[in-house]
């Protein structure tokens, strides 16, 4: 599958905000957004007046890059959200939040969403006791997500257990950091989703 393989810090600088794609580095003084708060490239420091379309596009790109999905995937999520009852923008974010890789990150079992995606692909997690290695897998209320038994003893997951112990998950998730397992107790509400995205602009973009 096609993936962005260049420096991910360029994506944060392009969007003008932290997308938290590098884990702990994003919270340190090494963060590229803090050090160079302008877009990458030769003309990055020049001021450009954005059109209405440009503003809407930036919101869509920001959301897509935060969750690490491709353009076609993102469009499919939007179309599914549009068919559901309720507010389309909130439905879209709710679908993205329920991706398994995002849930692993939210539980504190990975330092970033890209790391969570890699760990899921390498089959380190189970859902309701069954191995799942699909990052886009949609979790449901009542699902239990856990590090599989054969991976718990790995040094990586001992470090992640300490990380999870100091991280507070959103209200729609419960976590047992010591056992490296968590549970979906509710669907995420808009108040639970703390990403810096104005989803109504994405809806406006796709509605044209």
C-alpha atoms as a PDB file:
ATOM      1  CA  UNK A   1       0.000   0.000   0.000  1.00  0.00           C
ATOM      2  CA  UNK A   2       1.259   3.499  -0.814  1.00  0.00           C
ATOM      3  CA  UNK A   3       2.483   5.454   2.186  1.00  0.00           C
ATOM      4  CA  UNK A   4       4.172   8.784   2.787  1.00  0.00           C
ATOM      5  CA  UNK A   5       7.828   7.926   3.431  1.00  0.00           C
ATOM      6  CA  UNK A   6       9.437  11.365   3.727  1.00  0.00           C
ATOM      7  CA  UNK A   7      10.118  13.304   6.943  1.00  0.00           C
ATOM      8  CA  UNK A   8       6.790  13.477   8.783  1.00  0.00           C
ATOM      9  CA  UNK A   9       7.785  16.708  10.539  1.00  0.00           C
ATOM     10  CA  UNK A  10       7.319  18.407   7.163  1.00  0.00           C
ATOM     11  CA  UNK A  11       3.631  17.490   7.339  1.00  0.00           C
ATOM     12  CA  UNK A  12       3.229  19.265  10.683  1.00  0.00           C
ATOM     13  CA  UNK A  13       5.014  22.345   9.362  1.00  0.00           C
ATOM     14  CA  UNK A  14       2.855  22.336   6.220  1.00  0.00           C
ATOM     15  CA  UNK A  15      -0.320  22.300   8.302  1.00  0.00           C
ATOM     16  CA  UNK A  16       1.050  24.862  10.744  1.00  0.00           C
ATOM     17  CA  UNK A  17       0.255  22.766  13.821  1.00  0.00           C
ATOM     18  CA  UNK A  18       1.478  19.699  15.680  1.00  0.00           C
ATOM     19  CA  UNK A  19       0.012  16.476  14.321  1.00  0.00           C
ATOM     20  CA  UNK A  20       1.889  14.375  16.920  1.00  0.00           C
ATOM     21  CA  UNK A  21       3.373  11.976  14.392  1.00  0.00           C
ATOM     22  CA  UNK A  22       6.716  11.516  16.190  1.00  0.00           C
ATOM     23  CA  UNK A  23       5.626  10.615  19.693  1.00  0.00           C
ATOM     24  CA  UNK A  24       7.790  12.078  22.486  1.00  0.00           C
ATOM     25  CA  UNK A  25       9.732  14.272  20.054  1.00  0.00           C
ATOM     26  CA  UNK A  26       6.592  16.355  19.493  1.00  0.00           C
ATOM     27  CA  UNK A  27       6.617  17.339  23.179  1.00  0.00           C
ATOM     28  CA  UNK A  28      10.324  18.228  23.268  1.00  0.00           C
ATOM     29  CA  UNK A  29      12.278  21.297  22.160  1.00  0.00           C
ATOM     30  CA  UNK A  30      13.294  19.313  19.061  1.00  0.00           C
ATOM     31  CA  UNK A  31       9.801  19.670  17.580  1.00  0.00           C
ATOM     32  CA  UNK A  32      10.087  21.080  14.044  1.00  0.00           C
ATOM     33  CA  UNK A  33       6.935  23.206  14.432  1.00  0.00           C
ATOM     34  CA  UNK A  34       8.404  24.963  17.454  1.00  0.00           C
ATOM     35  CA  UNK A  35      11.785  25.463  15.814  1.00  0.00           C
ATOM     36  CA  UNK A  36      10.563  26.472  12.346  1.00  0.00           C
ATOM     37  CA  UNK A  37       6.972  27.651  12.511  1.00  0.00           C
ATOM     38  CA  UNK A  38       6.516  28.065   8.768  1.00  0.00           C
ATOM     39  CA  UNK A  39       5.771  25.799   5.817  1.00  0.00           C
ATOM     40  CA  UNK A  40       8.661  23.790   4.338  1.00  0.00           C
ATOM     41  CA  UNK A  41      10.178  24.583   0.973  1.00  0.00           C
ATOM     42  CA  UNK A  42      11.741  27.567  -0.766  1.00  0.00           C
ATOM     43  CA  UNK A  43       8.672  29.776  -0.385  1.00  0.00           C
ATOM     44  CA  UNK A  44       7.597  28.509   3.012  1.00  0.00           C
ATOM     45  CA  UNK A  45       8.129  31.821   4.788  1.00  0.00           C
ATOM     46  CA  UNK A  46       6.233  33.917   2.262  1.00  0.00           C
ATOM     47  CA  UNK A  47       2.724  34.910   3.255  1.00  0.00           C
ATOM     48  CA  UNK A  48      -0.034  33.621   1.017  1.00  0.00           C
ATOM     49  CA  UNK A  49      -3.693  34.542   1.170  1.00  0.00           C
ATOM     50  CA  UNK A  50      -5.724  31.361   1.169  1.00  0.00           C
ATOM     51  CA  UNK A  51      -8.956  30.982  -0.753  1.00  0.00           C
ATOM     52  CA  UNK A  52     -12.049  29.426   0.796  1.00  0.00           C
ATOM     53  CA  UNK A  53     -11.243  26.220  -1.056  1.00  0.00           C
ATOM     54  CA  UNK A  54      -7.656  26.336   0.215  1.00  0.00           C
ATOM     55  CA  UNK A  55      -8.808  26.625   3.842  1.00  0.00           C
ATOM     56  CA  UNK A  56     -11.196  23.702   3.433  1.00  0.00           C
ATOM     57  CA  UNK A  57      -8.496  21.620   1.734  1.00  0.00           C
ATOM     58  CA  UNK A  58      -6.044  22.262   4.551  1.00  0.00           C
ATOM     59  CA  UNK A  59      -8.563  20.992   7.132  1.00  0.00           C
ATOM     60  CA  UNK A  60      -9.113  17.833   5.126  1.00  0.00           C
ATOM     61  CA  UNK A  61      -5.384  17.248   4.688  1.00  0.00           C
ATOM     62  CA  UNK A  62      -4.796  17.896   8.377  1.00  0.00           C
ATOM     63  CA  UNK A  63      -7.355  15.273   9.430  1.00  0.00           C
ATOM     64  CA  UNK A  64      -6.105  12.784   6.846  1.00  0.00           C
ATOM     65  CA  UNK A  65      -2.516  13.147   8.007  1.00  0.00           C
ATOM     66  CA  UNK A  66      -3.345  12.967  11.713  1.00  0.00           C
ATOM     67  CA  UNK A  67      -5.019   9.582  11.245  1.00  0.00           C
ATOM     68  CA  UNK A  68      -2.602   8.429   8.536  1.00  0.00           C
ATOM     69  CA  UNK A  69      -5.137   7.454   5.877  1.00  0.00           C
ATOM     70  CA  UNK A  70      -4.889   7.720   2.104  1.00  0.00           C
ATOM     71  CA  UNK A  71      -7.077   9.991  -0.002  1.00  0.00           C
ATOM     72  CA  UNK A  72      -9.341   7.207  -1.275  1.00  0.00           C
ATOM     73  CA  UNK A  73      -9.745   5.802   2.240  1.00  0.00           C
ATOM     74  CA  UNK A  74     -10.639   9.237   3.577  1.00  0.00           C
ATOM     75  CA  UNK A  75     -13.246   9.743   0.856  1.00  0.00           C
ATOM     76  CA  UNK A  76     -14.763   6.352   1.710  1.00  0.00           C
ATOM     77  CA  UNK A  77     -14.962   7.332   5.376  1.00  0.00           C
ATOM     78  CA  UNK A  78     -16.734  10.556   4.417  1.00  0.00           C
ATOM     79  CA  UNK A  79     -19.256   8.783   2.203  1.00  0.00           C
ATOM     80  CA  UNK A  80     -19.998   6.294   4.987  1.00  0.00           C
ATOM     81  CA  UNK A  81     -20.370   9.161   7.501  1.00  0.00           C
ATOM     82  CA  UNK A  82     -22.708  10.990   5.127  1.00  0.00           C
ATOM     83  CA  UNK A  83     -25.010   7.957   4.955  1.00  0.00           C
ATOM     84  CA  UNK A  84     -25.271   7.711   8.734  1.00  0.00           C
ATOM     85  CA  UNK A  85     -27.795   9.577  10.860  1.00  0.00           C
ATOM     86  CA  UNK A  86     -26.570  12.656  12.682  1.00  0.00           C
ATOM     87  CA  UNK A  87     -23.990  15.332  11.889  1.00  0.00           C
ATOM     88  CA  UNK A  88     -21.773  14.201   9.008  1.00  0.00           C
ATOM     89  CA  UNK A  89     -18.599  15.859  10.294  1.00  0.00           C
ATOM     90  CA  UNK A  90     -18.929  14.303  13.738  1.00  0.00           C
ATOM     91  CA  UNK A  91     -19.748  10.921  12.179  1.00  0.00           C
ATOM     92  CA  UNK A  92     -16.547  11.190  10.133  1.00  0.00           C
ATOM     93  CA  UNK A  93     -14.355  11.865  13.156  1.00  0.00           C
ATOM     94  CA  UNK A  94     -16.094   9.100  15.089  1.00  0.00           C
ATOM     95  CA  UNK A  95     -15.286   6.583  12.342  1.00  0.00           C
ATOM     96  CA  UNK A  96     -11.644   7.677  12.269  1.00  0.00           C
ATOM     97  CA  UNK A  97     -11.380   7.500  16.059  1.00  0.00           C
ATOM     98  CA  UNK A  98     -12.676   3.927  16.041  1.00  0.00           C
ATOM     99  CA  UNK A  99      -9.830   2.679  13.849  1.00  0.00           C
ATOM    100  CA  UNK A 100      -7.864   0.033  15.740  1.00  0.00           C
ATOM    101  CA  UNK A 101      -4.537   1.824  15.301  1.00  0.00           C
ATOM    102  CA  UNK A 102      -6.009   5.017  16.755  1.00  0.00           C
ATOM    103  CA  UNK A 103      -7.541   3.113  19.684  1.00  0.00           C
ATOM    104  CA  UNK A 104      -4.171   1.503  20.441  1.00  0.00           C
ATOM    105  CA  UNK A 105      -2.642   4.987  20.488  1.00  0.00           C
ATOM    106  CA  UNK A 106      -5.450   6.439  22.620  1.00  0.00           C
ATOM    107  CA  UNK A 107      -5.019   3.631  25.162  1.00  0.00           C
ATOM    108  CA  UNK A 108      -1.351   4.570  25.518  1.00  0.00           C
ATOM    109  CA  UNK A 109      -0.029   1.360  23.964  1.00  0.00           C
ATOM    110  CA  UNK A 110       1.980   3.350  21.380  1.00  0.00           C
ATOM    111  CA  UNK A 111       3.724   6.726  21.479  1.00  0.00           C
ATOM    112  CA  UNK A 112       2.200   7.844  18.161  1.00  0.00           C
ATOM    113  CA  UNK A 113      -0.397   6.735  15.623  1.00  0.00           C
ATOM    114  CA  UNK A 114       2.284   5.684  13.070  1.00  0.00           C
ATOM    115  CA  UNK A 115       3.880   3.468  15.738  1.00  0.00           C
ATOM    116  CA  UNK A 116       0.462   2.066  16.657  1.00  0.00           C
ATOM    117  CA  UNK A 117      -0.199   1.259  12.997  1.00  0.00           C
ATOM    118  CA  UNK A 118       3.090  -0.622  12.744  1.00  0.00           C
ATOM    119  CA  UNK A 119       2.469  -2.596  15.926  1.00  0.00           C
ATOM    120  CA  UNK A 120      -1.017  -3.582  14.741  1.00  0.00           C
ATOM    121  CA  UNK A 121       0.327  -4.681  11.358  1.00  0.00           C
ATOM    122  CA  UNK A 122       2.903  -6.853  13.099  1.00  0.00           C
ATOM    123  CA  UNK A 123       0.028  -8.656  14.838  1.00  0.00           C
ATOM    124  CA  UNK A 124       0.867  -7.659  18.428  1.00  0.00           C
ATOM    125  CA  UNK A 125      -2.786  -7.000  19.368  1.00  0.00           C
ATOM    126  CA  UNK A 126      -5.966  -8.964  19.802  1.00  0.00           C
ATOM    127  CA  UNK A 127      -9.603  -7.851  19.760  1.00  0.00           C
ATOM    128  CA  UNK A 128     -11.852  -9.992  21.947  1.00  0.00           C
ATOM    129  CA  UNK A 129      -9.104 -12.618  22.093  1.00  0.00           C
ATOM    130  CA  UNK A 130      -8.643 -12.875  18.315  1.00  0.00           C
ATOM    131  CA  UNK A 131      -5.557 -11.610  16.515  1.00  0.00           C
ATOM    132  CA  UNK A 132      -6.266  -8.570  14.331  1.00  0.00           C
ATOM    133  CA  UNK A 133      -3.544  -7.034  12.135  1.00  0.00           C
ATOM    134  CA  UNK A 134      -5.685  -4.559  10.191  1.00  0.00           C
ATOM    135  CA  UNK A 135      -5.085  -0.939  11.345  1.00  0.00           C
ATOM    136  CA  UNK A 136      -8.420   0.241   9.895  1.00  0.00           C
ATOM    137  CA  UNK A 137     -10.436  -2.368  11.820  1.00  0.00           C
ATOM    138  CA  UNK A 138     -13.473  -0.633  13.370  1.00  0.00           C
ATOM    139  CA  UNK A 139     -13.862  -1.341  17.073  1.00  0.00           C
ATOM    140  CA  UNK A 140     -17.308  -1.519  18.654  1.00  0.00           C
ATOM    141  CA  UNK A 141     -18.706  -0.840  22.106  1.00  0.00           C
ATOM    142  CA  UNK A 142     -17.742  -3.736  24.370  1.00  0.00           C
ATOM    143  CA  UNK A 143     -14.656  -4.765  22.394  1.00  0.00           C
ATOM    144  CA  UNK A 144     -11.576  -5.625  24.438  1.00  0.00           C
ATOM    145  CA  UNK A 145      -8.220  -4.688  22.929  1.00  0.00           C
ATOM    146  CA  UNK A 146      -5.111  -6.316  24.378  1.00  0.00           C
ATOM    147  CA  UNK A 147      -1.468  -6.981  23.652  1.00  0.00           C
ATOM    148  CA  UNK A 148      -1.288 -10.640  22.671  1.00  0.00           C
ATOM    149  CA  UNK A 149       0.197 -12.994  25.228  1.00  0.00           C
ATOM    150  CA  UNK A 150       3.331 -13.730  23.203  1.00  0.00           C
ATOM    151  CA  UNK A 151       4.245 -10.036  22.970  1.00  0.00           C
ATOM    152  CA  UNK A 152       3.741  -8.909  26.580  1.00  0.00           C
ATOM    153  CA  UNK A 153       7.229 -10.059  27.603  1.00  0.00           C
ATOM    154  CA  UNK A 154       8.931  -7.984  24.891  1.00  0.00           C
ATOM    155  CA  UNK A 155      10.984  -5.044  26.164  1.00  0.00           C
ATOM    156  CA  UNK A 156       9.025  -2.715  23.892  1.00  0.00           C
ATOM    157  CA  UNK A 157       5.760  -3.504  25.629  1.00  0.00           C
ATOM    158  CA  UNK A 158       7.284  -3.208  29.088  1.00  0.00           C
ATOM    159  CA  UNK A 159       8.153   0.370  28.117  1.00  0.00           C
ATOM    160  CA  UNK A 160       4.652   0.905  26.709  1.00  0.00           C
ATOM    161  CA  UNK A 161       3.082  -0.336  29.955  1.00  0.00           C
ATOM    162  CA  UNK A 162       4.876   2.493  31.771  1.00  0.00           C
ATOM    163  CA  UNK A 163       3.738   4.948  29.096  1.00  0.00           C
ATOM    164  CA  UNK A 164       0.119   3.826  29.392  1.00  0.00           C
ATOM    165  CA  UNK A 165       0.241   4.105  33.185  1.00  0.00           C
ATOM    166  CA  UNK A 166       0.904   7.851  32.889  1.00  0.00           C
ATOM    167  CA  UNK A 167      -1.587   8.531  30.121  1.00  0.00           C
ATOM    168  CA  UNK A 168      -5.260   9.278  30.662  1.00  0.00           C
ATOM    169  CA  UNK A 169      -7.435   7.704  27.954  1.00  0.00           C
ATOM    170  CA  UNK A 170     -10.553   9.477  26.630  1.00  0.00           C
ATOM    171  CA  UNK A 171     -13.843   8.856  28.439  1.00  0.00           C
ATOM    172  CA  UNK A 172     -15.027   6.298  25.862  1.00  0.00           C
ATOM    173  CA  UNK A 173     -12.147   3.936  26.678  1.00  0.00           C
ATOM    174  CA  UNK A 174     -11.054   2.065  29.797  1.00  0.00           C
ATOM    175  CA  UNK A 175      -7.500   0.823  30.243  1.00  0.00           C
ATOM    176  CA  UNK A 176      -5.635  -1.600  32.499  1.00  0.00           C
ATOM    177  CA  UNK A 177      -2.064  -0.437  31.895  1.00  0.00           C
ATOM    178  CA  UNK A 178      -0.450  -3.203  33.936  1.00  0.00           C
ATOM    179  CA  UNK A 179      -2.244  -5.940  31.963  1.00  0.00           C
ATOM    180  CA  UNK A 180      -1.846  -4.015  28.690  1.00  0.00           C
ATOM    181  CA  UNK A 181      -5.510  -4.276  27.817  1.00  0.00           C
ATOM    182  CA  UNK A 182      -8.333  -1.830  27.278  1.00  0.00           C
ATOM    183  CA  UNK A 183     -12.035  -1.801  26.524  1.00  0.00           C
ATOM    184  CA  UNK A 184     -14.405   0.329  24.439  1.00  0.00           C
ATOM    185  CA  UNK A 185     -17.134   1.456  26.842  1.00  0.00           C
ATOM    186  CA  UNK A 186     -18.969   3.912  24.562  1.00  0.00           C
ATOM    187  CA  UNK A 187     -18.850   5.554  21.155  1.00  0.00           C
ATOM    188  CA  UNK A 188     -16.628   8.657  21.114  1.00  0.00           C
ATOM    189  CA  UNK A 189     -18.455  11.980  21.322  1.00  0.00           C
ATOM    190  CA  UNK A 190     -17.164  15.174  19.700  1.00  0.00           C
ATOM    191  CA  UNK A 191     -16.030  16.409  23.115  1.00  0.00           C
ATOM    192  CA  UNK A 192     -13.795  13.317  23.444  1.00  0.00           C
ATOM    193  CA  UNK A 193     -11.982  14.010  20.165  1.00  0.00           C
ATOM    194  CA  UNK A 194      -9.240  16.547  20.811  1.00  0.00           C
ATOM    195  CA  UNK A 195      -7.712  16.881  17.341  1.00  0.00           C
ATOM    196  CA  UNK A 196      -7.341  20.469  15.991  1.00  0.00           C
ATOM    197  CA  UNK A 197      -9.733  20.065  13.052  1.00  0.00           C
ATOM    198  CA  UNK A 198     -12.867  21.982  12.049  1.00  0.00           C
ATOM    199  CA  UNK A 199     -14.797  19.110  10.518  1.00  0.00           C
ATOM    200  CA  UNK A 200     -17.550  21.305   9.036  1.00  0.00           C
ATOM    201  CA  UNK A 201     -14.973  22.658   6.563  1.00  0.00           C
ATOM    202  CA  UNK A 202     -14.299  19.094   5.368  1.00  0.00           C
ATOM    203  CA  UNK A 203     -18.021  18.570   4.828  1.00  0.00           C
ATOM    204  CA  UNK A 204     -18.206  21.830   2.865  1.00  0.00           C
ATOM    205  CA  UNK A 205     -15.260  20.710   0.706  1.00  0.00           C
ATOM    206  CA  UNK A 206     -16.801  17.356  -0.213  1.00  0.00           C
ATOM    207  CA  UNK A 207     -20.270  18.852  -0.675  1.00  0.00           C
ATOM    208  CA  UNK A 208     -19.244  21.037  -3.613  1.00  0.00           C
END
